[in-house]
Amino acid sequence: RAAVEEDDIVVGVLAVPGAAAQPLADALVDAGVKIIFNYSEALLDVPADVQIHTSNPAVELLHALYFHLA
């Protein structure tokens, strides 16, 4: 938390198992993070002023392969 506050970090990345995502998102929000890139399967509940960008790397890989092979 101290590093986020001291360095005025506003973006965080979550690449954790789904069960760990919400508590870590809460910690990021409490520290002041305003944008979270979520690579877990969890749907996160955050305040309205925090942006969540969720992406599934497996789906992205399949999408890339499809267009590469097509």
C-alpha atoms as a PDB file:
ATOM      1  CA  ARG A   1       0.000   0.000   0.000  1.00  0.00           C
ATOM      2  CA  ALA A   2       2.772   2.429   0.882  1.00  0.00           C
ATOM      3  CA  ALA A   3       4.406   2.056  -2.541  1.00  0.00           C
ATOM      4  CA  VAL A   4       1.105   2.785  -4.319  1.00  0.00           C
ATOM      5  CA  GLU A   5       0.544   5.908  -2.250  1.00  0.00           C
ATOM      6  CA  GLU A   6       4.157   7.147  -2.317  1.00  0.00           C
ATOM      7  CA  ASP A   7       4.576   6.744  -6.073  1.00  0.00           C
ATOM      8  CA  ASP A   8       1.021   7.873  -6.919  1.00  0.00           C
ATOM      9  CA  ILE A   9       0.291   4.638  -8.800  1.00  0.00           C
ATOM     10  CA  VAL A  10      -3.163   4.661 -10.417  1.00  0.00           C
ATOM     11  CA  VAL A  11      -3.101   1.412 -12.441  1.00  0.00           C
ATOM     12  CA  GLY A  12      -2.989  -2.132 -11.079  1.00  0.00           C
ATOM     13  CA  VAL A  13      -2.932  -5.559 -12.710  1.00  0.00           C
ATOM     14  CA  LEU A  14      -4.550  -8.639 -11.181  1.00  0.00           C
ATOM     15  CA  ALA A  15      -3.329 -11.965 -12.527  1.00  0.00           C
ATOM     16  CA  VAL A  16      -4.358 -14.254  -9.689  1.00  0.00           C
ATOM     17  CA  PRO A  17      -6.792 -17.120  -9.070  1.00  0.00           C
ATOM     18  CA  GLY A  18     -10.400 -15.941  -8.966  1.00  0.00           C
ATOM     19  CA  ALA A  19     -10.757 -16.498  -5.220  1.00  0.00           C
ATOM     20  CA  ALA A  20      -7.926 -14.058  -4.520  1.00  0.00           C
ATOM     21  CA  ALA A  21      -9.043 -11.349  -6.955  1.00  0.00           C
ATOM     22  CA  GLN A  22     -11.683  -9.469  -4.915  1.00  0.00           C
ATOM     23  CA  PRO A  23      -9.591  -9.079  -1.735  1.00  0.00           C
ATOM     24  CA  LEU A  24      -6.637  -7.875  -3.794  1.00  0.00           C
ATOM     25  CA  ALA A  25      -8.842  -5.512  -5.800  1.00  0.00           C
ATOM     26  CA  ASP A  26     -10.155  -4.125  -2.501  1.00  0.00           C
ATOM     27  CA  ALA A  27      -6.580  -3.563  -1.318  1.00  0.00           C
ATOM     28  CA  LEU A  28      -5.669  -1.787  -4.576  1.00  0.00           C
ATOM     29  CA  VAL A  29      -8.744   0.455  -4.337  1.00  0.00           C
ATOM     30  CA  ASP A  30      -8.013   1.228  -0.674  1.00  0.00           C
ATOM     31  CA  ALA A  31      -4.501   2.258  -1.676  1.00  0.00           C
ATOM     32  CA  GLY A  32      -5.811   4.635  -4.346  1.00  0.00           C
ATOM     33  CA  VAL A  33      -5.642   2.654  -7.596  1.00  0.00           C
ATOM     34  CA  LYS A  34      -8.276   3.896 -10.081  1.00  0.00           C
ATOM     35  CA  ILE A  35      -7.788   1.474 -13.014  1.00  0.00           C
ATOM     36  CA  ILE A  36      -7.518  -2.301 -12.643  1.00  0.00           C
ATOM     37  CA  PHE A  37      -6.687  -4.742 -15.413  1.00  0.00           C
ATOM     38  CA  ASN A  38      -8.277  -8.019 -14.308  1.00  0.00           C
ATOM     39  CA  TYR A  39      -6.888 -11.233 -15.815  1.00  0.00           C
ATOM     40  CA  SER A  40      -8.775 -13.486 -13.388  1.00  0.00           C
ATOM     41  CA  GLU A  41     -12.165 -15.064 -14.026  1.00  0.00           C
ATOM     42  CA  ALA A  42     -13.684 -13.122 -11.116  1.00  0.00           C
ATOM     43  CA  LEU A  43     -16.227 -10.359 -11.611  1.00  0.00           C
ATOM     44  CA  LEU A  44     -14.997  -7.574  -9.368  1.00  0.00           C
ATOM     45  CA  ASP A  45     -17.139  -5.245  -7.282  1.00  0.00           C
ATOM     46  CA  VAL A  46     -15.456  -1.833  -7.005  1.00  0.00           C
ATOM     47  CA  PRO A  47     -16.606   1.764  -6.474  1.00  0.00           C
ATOM     48  CA  ALA A  48     -18.004   3.639  -9.472  1.00  0.00           C
ATOM     49  CA  ASP A  49     -14.888   5.804  -9.796  1.00  0.00           C
ATOM     50  CA  VAL A  50     -12.650   2.741 -10.393  1.00  0.00           C
ATOM     51  CA  GLN A  51     -12.404   1.315 -13.924  1.00  0.00           C
ATOM     52  CA  ILE A  52     -12.144  -2.443 -14.412  1.00  0.00           C
ATOM     53  CA  HIS A  53     -10.826  -3.929 -17.647  1.00  0.00           C
ATOM     54  CA  THR A  54     -11.321  -7.697 -17.651  1.00  0.00           C
ATOM     55  CA  SER A  55      -9.586  -9.939 -20.147  1.00  0.00           C
ATOM     56  CA  ASN A  56      -9.182 -13.684 -20.344  1.00  0.00           C
ATOM     57  CA  PRO A  57      -5.728 -14.577 -21.732  1.00  0.00           C
ATOM     58  CA  ALA A  58      -6.978 -17.969 -22.977  1.00  0.00           C
ATOM     59  CA  VAL A  59      -9.711 -16.317 -25.033  1.00  0.00           C
ATOM     60  CA  GLU A  60      -7.259 -13.739 -26.365  1.00  0.00           C
ATOM     61  CA  LEU A  61      -4.876 -16.527 -27.413  1.00  0.00           C
ATOM     62  CA  LEU A  62      -7.642 -18.418 -29.209  1.00  0.00           C
ATOM     63  CA  HIS A  63      -8.711 -15.218 -30.947  1.00  0.00           C
ATOM     64  CA  ALA A  64      -5.153 -14.549 -32.126  1.00  0.00           C
ATOM     65  CA  LEU A  65      -4.710 -18.131 -33.329  1.00  0.00           C
ATOM     66  CA  TYR A  66      -7.994 -18.053 -35.216  1.00  0.00           C
ATOM     67  CA  PHE A  67      -6.969 -14.990 -37.206  1.00  0.00           C
ATOM     68  CA  HIS A  68      -3.454 -16.290 -37.728  1.00  0.00           C
ATOM     69  CA  LEU A  69      -4.704 -19.614 -39.096  1.00  0.00           C
ATOM     70  CA  ALA A  70      -7.634 -18.220 -41.077  1.00  0.00           C
END
